[in-house]
Amino acid sequence: MQFLWPLIKKLWNITKAKQVAKAIKKKVKMGTPFKLRRNSSWIGVIHDMDDISSLIIKNNMTSVKRRSKSTNCISRLSKSDSSNKNDADHIGCIMSARGKGYGQVTEALHMIKKAVLLKKSLKFHLKVEHIESPWPADSSNSLFKTPNYNRLEFQKRLPKHLIDTVIEKMSVGDCNEILVSKFGLDISRQNIECLHEGNWLNDEVINFYMSMLQIENDKYYAAGKAPKCYIFNTFFFPSLTGSGRGYNYSAVQRWTKRKKIDIFTVDILLVPVHVSEVHWALGVIDMRASGKQILMLDSLGGSGNELWFQVAKRYIKDEYKDKKNKNLLLDDWNFDHSRLPSELPLQENGYDCGVFMCQYAHCVVHQRRFDFTQQDIPSIRLLMAHEIMQGYIIP
């Protein structure tokens, strides 16, 4: 009887996969966009039935093939349930682009909750295959929309004649083509497409941009134009917090030693924080004698993530104890969670948080005021793409 169990499980999974496919088709038919994302970056929206050419059930996988006029860029996504969640509202998603790269989705389809009764032990997969049309063809069925950039802003840093060139370079060609290699990071066309308007930024783009800012700050500090900053990458805070499971200093104990950084000789520490894995905010630790404060620059105007303040305070103490072999008192430090710069620009949508975080960091390392608004973000996205492809920040 035991040998029948794999077959029963397979049939069960296929049945559930069919139900999910039916739910998706129903959702799309009703006109509700079906959203997917890779590595915290929105990668597309299917708006209507014309976008879907076929549904295929094979090897426990439901394949949804997306209509297009070109096979220029192919991505495959596999969807599985999240075993530590209570219902189908929290379905994880693993994506591989031509067999490479993985990510997670945290926003699920509410229609699936009605169509599929998931058990914690049950795992099924849903593969969605889409084909993107090349730029500058009609983008009505294109997975990445070519945005209408605001050409009136940031002209000094990105001349008008370069805009079309940058957009084309971002959009035309092999998705896996490496556009720039620097800082031990390879940025492909698929990576940089997240800078098109409406997409969430991924770790690769954020870390590359922060590395460029670090180089910029080193120059500004050497010239006496800015305080000395150190920018952690996006993996630091998840390592320090055990990806939300609990504080774990040992995971980052050798972090600064490997980087040959003494944070107690640095003026300002900047830490990208992925709040609940759905929203980017910038953690700021002002180490200066005149500062001594911990802040969180949140583009949603939040009063601050409690976890960030607790972890940052504890990390400073543990790092001092480990590196200096002394106890550090923080009695005179400011931990006001509600304290935000009055002029801090805020986002007005649900996908620009990563861009705001990068621009907050840009302002801090250059010691300039927060001189941008939501209306500037489309142009800033394009400027960031150009800077990344060039490998340096444009003054």
Protein backbone atom coordinates (compact mmCIF):
# COMPACT_ATOMS: atom_id res chain seq x y z
CA MET A 1 0.00 0.00 0.00
CA GLN A 2 2.91 2.29 0.73
CA PHE A 3 4.03 2.30 -2.91
CA LEU A 4 0.69 3.87 -3.89
CA TRP A 5 1.30 6.98 -1.78
CA PRO A 6 3.58 8.77 -4.31
CA LEU A 7 0.97 8.21 -7.03
CA ILE A 8 -1.84 9.48 -4.81
CA LYS A 9 0.21 12.55 -3.89
CA LYS A 10 1.02 13.19 -7.56
CA LEU A 11 -2.65 13.01 -8.56
CA TRP A 12 -3.54 15.30 -5.64
CA ASN A 13 -0.98 17.87 -6.72
CA ILE A 14 -2.15 17.79 -10.33
CA THR A 15 -5.74 18.35 -9.20
CA LYS A 16 -4.71 21.34 -7.11
CA ALA A 17 -2.59 22.74 -9.94
CA LYS A 18 -5.59 22.57 -12.26
CA GLN A 19 -7.67 24.44 -9.68
CA VAL A 20 -5.02 27.15 -9.45
CA ALA A 21 -4.86 27.48 -13.23
CA LYS A 22 -8.65 27.79 -13.33
CA ALA A 23 -8.54 30.45 -10.62
CA ILE A 24 -5.91 32.45 -12.49
CA LYS A 25 -7.86 32.30 -15.75
CA LYS A 26 -10.97 33.41 -13.87
CA LYS A 27 -9.09 36.27 -12.21
CA VAL A 28 -7.57 37.42 -15.50
CA LYS A 29 -10.94 37.15 -17.26
CA MET A 30 -12.47 39.41 -14.60
CA GLY A 31 -9.90 42.05 -15.53
CA THR A 32 -7.85 41.85 -12.33
CA PRO A 33 -4.09 42.07 -13.05
CA PHE A 34 -2.04 38.99 -12.19
CA LYS A 35 1.20 40.28 -10.69
CA LEU A 36 4.52 38.47 -10.41
CA ARG A 37 7.88 39.63 -9.17
CA ARG A 38 11.45 38.43 -8.91
CA ASN A 39 13.85 39.24 -6.05
CA SER A 40 11.55 41.93 -4.70
CA SER A 41 11.09 43.45 -8.16
CA TRP A 42 7.78 43.56 -10.01
CA ILE A 43 8.33 41.86 -13.33
CA GLY A 44 4.97 42.09 -15.00
CA VAL A 45 1.21 42.26 -15.12
CA ILE A 46 -1.16 40.11 -17.17
CA HIS A 47 -4.27 42.20 -17.77
CA ASP A 48 -6.57 40.14 -19.98
CA MET A 49 -7.18 36.76 -21.58
CA ASP A 50 -5.41 37.84 -24.77
CA ASP A 51 -2.14 37.69 -22.86
CA ILE A 52 -2.49 33.94 -22.32
CA SER A 53 -2.14 31.59 -25.28
CA SER A 54 -2.23 28.23 -23.54
CA LEU A 55 -2.51 26.30 -20.29
CA ILE A 56 -0.60 23.03 -20.05
CA ILE A 57 -0.60 20.42 -17.27
CA LYS A 58 2.59 18.35 -17.34
CA ASN A 59 4.75 16.71 -14.67
CA ASN A 60 2.73 18.22 -11.83
CA MET A 61 3.29 21.64 -13.39
CA THR A 62 0.72 24.02 -14.79
CA SER A 63 2.25 26.08 -17.58
CA VAL A 64 0.70 29.37 -18.62
CA LYS A 65 2.23 30.60 -21.86
CA ARG A 66 2.05 34.30 -22.51
CA ARG A 67 1.33 35.67 -25.99
CA SER A 68 4.00 37.71 -27.74
CA LYS A 69 5.45 38.45 -31.14
CA SER A 70 8.98 37.64 -30.09
CA THR A 71 11.00 35.10 -28.13
CA ASN A 72 13.55 37.75 -27.23
CA CYS A 73 13.29 37.21 -23.50
CA ILE A 74 11.97 34.10 -21.77
CA SER A 75 11.47 33.70 -18.02
CA ARG A 76 10.10 30.72 -16.14
CA LEU A 77 8.48 30.96 -12.78
CA SER A 78 7.61 28.13 -10.44
CA LYS A 79 5.07 28.75 -7.71
CA SER A 80 4.86 26.67 -4.53
CA ASP A 81 3.02 27.06 -1.28
CA SER A 82 4.77 28.52 1.73
CA SER A 83 4.79 25.74 4.32
CA ASN A 84 4.98 28.05 7.32
CA LYS A 85 1.89 30.08 6.39
CA ASN A 86 -1.71 29.44 7.34
CA ASP A 87 -3.54 29.86 4.05
CA ALA A 88 -3.18 30.39 0.35
CA ASP A 89 -2.85 34.15 0.76
CA HIS A 90 0.82 33.46 1.47
CA ILE A 91 2.10 31.43 -1.44
CA GLY A 92 5.81 31.58 -2.08
CA CYS A 93 7.15 31.83 -5.60
CA ILE A 94 10.47 30.64 -6.96
CA MET A 95 11.59 32.02 -10.27
CA SER A 96 14.33 30.88 -12.62
CA ALA A 97 15.22 32.77 -15.75
CA ARG A 98 16.40 30.20 -18.28
CA GLY A 99 17.28 28.00 -15.34
CA LYS A 100 19.16 30.68 -13.41
CA GLY A 101 18.29 32.91 -10.47
CA TYR A 102 15.70 32.58 -7.75
CA GLY A 103 13.40 34.97 -5.94
CA GLN A 104 10.31 35.16 -3.78
CA VAL A 105 6.82 36.54 -4.11
CA THR A 106 5.03 37.81 -1.05
CA GLU A 107 1.87 39.08 -2.72
CA ALA A 108 -0.49 36.18 -3.56
CA LEU A 109 -3.68 35.95 -5.56
CA HIS A 110 -6.76 36.21 -3.39
CA MET A 111 -8.68 34.15 -5.94
CA ILE A 112 -6.45 31.19 -5.14
CA LYS A 113 -7.60 31.28 -1.53
CA LYS A 114 -11.14 30.59 -2.68
CA ALA A 115 -10.18 27.98 -5.25
CA VAL A 116 -7.53 26.03 -3.36
CA LEU A 117 -7.64 24.77 0.23
CA LEU A 118 -3.97 24.37 1.02
CA LYS A 119 -2.60 22.25 3.82
CA LYS A 120 0.73 23.07 5.41
CA SER A 121 2.16 19.74 4.25
CA LEU A 122 0.92 20.11 0.68
CA LYS A 123 3.19 21.55 -1.97
CA PHE A 124 2.23 22.09 -5.58
CA HIS A 125 3.91 24.04 -8.33
CA LEU A 126 2.63 26.50 -10.88
CA LYS A 127 4.94 27.40 -13.72
CA VAL A 128 4.24 30.57 -15.67
CA GLU A 129 6.15 31.08 -18.89
CA HIS A 130 6.02 34.45 -20.56
CA ILE A 131 7.65 35.87 -23.65
CA GLU A 132 8.50 39.53 -23.85
CA SER A 133 8.19 41.60 -27.01
CA PRO A 134 11.32 43.57 -27.95
CA TRP A 135 11.52 47.34 -27.46
CA PRO A 136 10.24 49.58 -29.05
CA ALA A 137 7.36 47.42 -30.39
CA ASP A 138 3.83 47.81 -29.05
CA SER A 139 4.16 47.15 -25.31
CA SER A 140 0.52 46.29 -24.62
CA ASN A 141 1.55 42.66 -24.16
CA SER A 142 5.08 43.41 -22.96
CA LEU A 143 6.03 42.13 -19.56
CA PHE A 144 8.21 45.19 -18.88
CA LYS A 145 6.48 48.38 -19.89
CA THR A 146 8.69 51.10 -21.31
CA PRO A 147 7.71 54.06 -19.12
CA ASN A 148 7.11 57.64 -20.14
CA TYR A 149 10.04 59.24 -18.36
CA ASN A 150 9.85 62.82 -17.18
CA ARG A 151 12.39 64.43 -19.49
CA LEU A 152 12.28 67.79 -17.72
CA GLU A 153 14.02 66.67 -14.53
CA PHE A 154 17.66 65.82 -13.82
CA GLN A 155 18.76 67.10 -17.24
CA LYS A 156 22.09 68.22 -15.85
CA ARG A 157 22.99 64.71 -14.70
CA LEU A 158 21.45 62.88 -17.67
CA PRO A 159 21.42 64.86 -20.94
CA LYS A 160 18.26 64.58 -23.00
CA HIS A 161 20.04 63.03 -25.98
CA LEU A 162 21.05 60.03 -23.83
CA ILE A 163 17.56 59.14 -22.62
CA ASP A 164 16.44 57.13 -25.65
CA THR A 165 19.83 55.42 -25.82
CA VAL A 166 19.63 54.35 -22.19
CA ILE A 167 16.05 53.07 -22.51
CA GLU A 168 16.98 51.04 -25.59
CA LYS A 169 20.06 49.57 -23.92
CA MET A 170 17.93 48.56 -20.93
CA SER A 171 15.30 46.91 -23.12
CA VAL A 172 16.80 45.44 -26.31
CA GLY A 173 18.85 42.28 -26.39
CA ASP A 174 19.46 39.04 -24.54
CA CYS A 175 18.06 39.13 -21.00
CA ASN A 176 21.13 37.33 -19.69
CA GLU A 177 23.66 39.66 -21.31
CA ILE A 178 25.97 41.15 -18.68
CA LEU A 179 25.87 44.93 -19.04
CA VAL A 180 28.41 45.75 -16.35
CA SER A 181 30.72 43.84 -13.99
CA LYS A 182 32.13 45.62 -10.97
CA PHE A 183 32.38 45.29 -7.18
CA GLY A 184 32.21 41.50 -7.62
CA LEU A 185 28.71 41.87 -9.09
CA ASP A 186 27.43 41.10 -12.58
CA ILE A 187 24.44 43.16 -13.67
CA SER A 188 22.49 41.63 -16.54
CA ARG A 189 19.81 43.23 -18.67
CA GLN A 190 17.22 41.26 -16.72
CA ASN A 191 18.58 42.67 -13.45
CA ILE A 192 18.46 46.25 -14.63
CA GLU A 193 14.95 45.98 -16.09
CA CYS A 194 13.65 46.45 -12.55
CA LEU A 195 14.50 50.14 -12.98
CA HIS A 196 11.68 50.52 -15.49
CA GLU A 197 8.84 52.43 -13.86
CA GLY A 198 6.45 50.31 -11.80
CA ASN A 199 8.97 47.65 -10.72
CA TRP A 200 10.45 46.89 -7.31
CA LEU A 201 14.24 47.03 -7.11
CA ASN A 202 16.15 43.79 -6.63
CA ASP A 203 19.13 43.11 -4.38
CA GLU A 204 21.63 43.10 -7.25
CA VAL A 205 20.73 46.60 -8.41
CA ILE A 206 20.53 48.01 -4.88
CA ASN A 207 23.90 46.56 -3.85
CA PHE A 208 25.59 47.75 -7.05
CA TYR A 209 24.20 51.26 -6.60
CA MET A 210 25.22 51.35 -2.93
CA SER A 211 28.74 50.22 -3.90
CA MET A 212 28.97 53.17 -6.31
CA LEU A 213 27.79 55.49 -3.54
CA GLN A 214 30.48 54.07 -1.25
CA ILE A 215 33.17 54.96 -3.80
CA GLU A 216 31.65 58.44 -4.12
CA ASN A 217 31.64 58.96 -0.37
CA ASP A 218 35.26 57.84 -0.07
CA LYS A 219 36.18 60.58 -2.56
CA TYR A 220 34.05 63.23 -0.88
CA TYR A 221 35.40 62.33 2.56
CA ALA A 222 39.02 62.46 1.33
CA ALA A 223 38.31 65.94 -0.06
CA GLY A 224 36.74 67.05 3.23
CA LYS A 225 33.31 67.53 1.64
CA ALA A 226 31.31 64.89 3.51
CA PRO A 227 31.37 62.77 6.68
CA LYS A 228 32.82 59.29 6.45
CA CYS A 229 30.05 56.80 5.68
CA TYR A 230 29.94 53.05 5.47
CA ILE A 231 27.10 51.35 3.60
CA PHE A 232 26.21 47.76 4.41
CA ASN A 233 24.74 45.61 1.66
CA THR A 234 21.23 44.17 1.64
CA PHE A 235 22.36 40.86 3.15
CA PHE A 236 23.72 42.33 6.38
CA PHE A 237 20.48 43.01 8.24
CA PRO A 238 18.84 39.65 7.35
CA SER A 239 22.01 37.91 8.56
CA LEU A 240 22.02 39.92 11.79
CA THR A 241 18.37 39.11 12.47
CA GLY A 242 18.45 35.51 11.27
CA SER A 243 15.99 36.49 8.51
CA GLY A 244 13.49 37.49 11.17
CA ARG A 245 13.98 34.44 13.40
CA GLY A 246 15.99 36.27 16.04
CA TYR A 247 19.09 38.32 16.76
CA ASN A 248 22.29 36.57 15.65
CA TYR A 249 25.45 38.64 16.10
CA SER A 250 27.71 35.64 15.43
CA ALA A 251 26.47 35.61 11.82
CA VAL A 252 28.02 39.05 11.21
CA GLN A 253 30.80 39.00 13.80
CA ARG A 254 33.53 38.82 11.16
CA TRP A 255 31.70 41.04 8.67
CA THR A 256 33.56 44.28 9.38
CA LYS A 257 36.85 42.46 9.90
CA ARG A 258 36.67 40.95 6.42
CA LYS A 259 35.85 44.39 5.01
CA LYS A 260 38.64 45.93 7.12
CA ILE A 261 36.19 48.44 8.56
CA ASP A 262 36.15 49.82 12.10
CA ILE A 263 32.63 51.22 12.44
CA PHE A 264 33.76 53.29 15.43
CA THR A 265 35.97 55.37 13.15
CA VAL A 266 33.04 55.96 10.78
CA ASP A 267 30.69 58.94 11.07
CA ILE A 268 27.51 57.43 9.62
CA LEU A 269 26.42 53.84 9.01
CA LEU A 270 23.76 53.14 6.39
CA VAL A 271 21.85 49.86 6.44
CA PRO A 272 19.27 48.78 3.83
CA VAL A 273 16.36 47.22 5.73
CA HIS A 274 13.79 45.07 3.95
CA VAL A 275 10.83 45.52 6.30
CA SER A 276 8.77 42.31 6.40
CA GLU A 277 10.44 41.48 3.05
CA VAL A 278 8.01 43.77 1.22
CA HIS A 279 9.25 47.33 1.82
CA TRP A 280 12.67 48.96 1.64
CA ALA A 281 13.72 51.56 4.21
CA LEU A 282 17.12 53.01 5.11
CA GLY A 283 18.51 52.46 8.58
CA VAL A 284 20.85 55.26 9.70
CA ILE A 285 23.27 55.11 12.64
CA ASP A 286 24.94 58.45 13.34
CA MET A 287 28.14 57.59 15.21
CA ARG A 288 29.41 61.17 15.52
CA ALA A 289 29.75 62.71 18.97
CA SER A 290 27.35 65.43 17.85
CA GLY A 291 24.92 62.85 16.53
CA LYS A 292 24.62 59.66 18.55
CA GLN A 293 21.28 58.66 17.15
CA ILE A 294 19.55 55.85 15.30
CA LEU A 295 17.02 56.69 12.61
CA MET A 296 15.00 54.93 9.96
CA LEU A 297 14.25 56.83 6.77
CA ASP A 298 10.96 55.34 5.63
CA SER A 299 9.41 56.55 2.38
CA LEU A 300 5.97 55.55 3.65
CA GLY A 301 6.37 57.99 6.54
CA GLY A 302 6.35 55.26 9.16
CA SER A 303 7.47 56.05 12.69
CA GLY A 304 10.12 53.39 12.49
CA ASN A 305 10.40 49.65 12.68
CA GLU A 306 10.76 48.53 16.30
CA LEU A 307 12.99 45.61 15.29
CA TRP A 308 15.45 47.92 13.55
CA PHE A 309 15.98 50.11 16.61
CA GLN A 310 16.37 47.14 18.97
CA VAL A 311 18.77 45.29 16.68
CA ALA A 312 20.84 48.36 15.78
CA LYS A 313 21.33 49.28 19.43
CA ARG A 314 22.33 45.75 20.36
CA TYR A 315 24.65 45.42 17.37
CA ILE A 316 26.61 48.56 18.31
CA LYS A 317 27.13 47.23 21.83
CA ASP A 318 28.16 43.75 20.68
CA GLU A 319 30.48 45.08 17.99
CA TYR A 320 32.22 47.35 20.50
CA LYS A 321 32.59 44.53 23.00
CA ASP A 322 33.95 42.16 20.36
CA LYS A 323 36.36 44.57 18.66
CA LYS A 324 37.39 46.80 21.60
CA ASN A 325 36.93 44.32 24.44
CA LYS A 326 35.04 46.98 26.39
CA ASN A 327 31.44 47.69 27.27
CA LEU A 328 29.78 50.60 25.51
CA LEU A 329 27.16 52.73 27.23
CA LEU A 330 24.47 54.25 25.02
CA ASP A 331 22.69 56.26 27.69
CA ASP A 332 23.24 59.54 25.85
CA TRP A 333 22.03 58.21 22.49
CA ASN A 334 18.75 59.25 20.87
CA PHE A 335 16.38 56.40 19.98
CA ASP A 336 13.31 58.46 19.11
CA HIS A 337 11.37 56.15 16.78
CA SER A 338 9.11 58.94 15.57
CA ARG A 339 11.91 61.25 14.55
CA LEU A 340 12.04 61.87 10.79
CA PRO A 341 13.52 64.79 8.85
CA SER A 342 10.64 67.18 8.18
CA GLU A 343 11.66 67.56 4.53
CA LEU A 344 11.89 63.80 3.86
CA PRO A 345 10.19 63.07 0.49
CA LEU A 346 7.62 60.26 0.60
CA GLN A 347 6.42 57.81 -2.01
CA GLU A 348 2.87 57.92 -3.33
CA ASN A 349 2.60 54.35 -4.64
CA GLY A 350 3.46 50.80 -3.66
CA TYR A 351 6.59 50.12 -5.69
CA ASP A 352 9.09 53.01 -5.46
CA CYS A 353 10.42 52.28 -1.95
CA GLY A 354 13.74 50.88 -3.24
CA VAL A 355 14.39 53.96 -5.36
CA PHE A 356 13.57 56.27 -2.44
CA MET A 357 15.92 54.31 -0.19
CA CYS A 358 18.77 54.61 -2.70
CA GLN A 359 18.16 58.34 -3.08
CA TYR A 360 18.07 58.83 0.69
CA ALA A 361 21.51 57.21 0.78
CA HIS A 362 22.65 59.39 -2.14
CA CYS A 363 21.67 62.52 -0.22
CA VAL A 364 23.38 61.39 2.99
CA VAL A 365 26.72 60.42 1.42
CA HIS A 366 26.82 63.66 -0.60
CA GLN A 367 25.56 65.76 2.32
CA ARG A 368 22.84 67.31 0.22
CA ARG A 369 19.28 68.06 1.20
CA PHE A 370 16.45 65.74 0.19
CA ASP A 371 15.79 67.66 -3.02
CA PHE A 372 13.59 65.22 -4.94
CA THR A 373 9.91 64.30 -4.95
CA GLN A 374 7.70 61.46 -6.16
CA GLN A 375 7.34 63.27 -9.49
CA ASP A 376 11.11 62.98 -10.06
CA ILE A 377 11.28 59.22 -9.53
CA PRO A 378 10.68 58.12 -13.17
CA SER A 379 13.63 60.27 -14.26
CA ILE A 380 15.70 59.12 -11.30
CA ARG A 381 15.08 55.49 -12.24
CA LEU A 382 16.47 56.14 -15.70
CA LEU A 383 19.42 58.06 -14.27
CA MET A 384 20.19 55.18 -11.89
CA ALA A 385 20.12 52.73 -14.81
CA HIS A 386 22.54 54.92 -16.76
CA GLU A 387 24.87 55.28 -13.77
CA ILE A 388 24.87 51.53 -13.13
CA MET A 389 25.64 50.74 -16.77
CA GLN A 390 28.48 53.31 -16.64
CA GLY A 391 29.69 51.95 -13.31
CA TYR A 392 29.88 55.28 -11.48
CA ILE A 393 27.68 58.01 -10.00
CA ILE A 394 27.26 61.08 -12.21
CA PRO A 395 28.05 64.22 -10.12
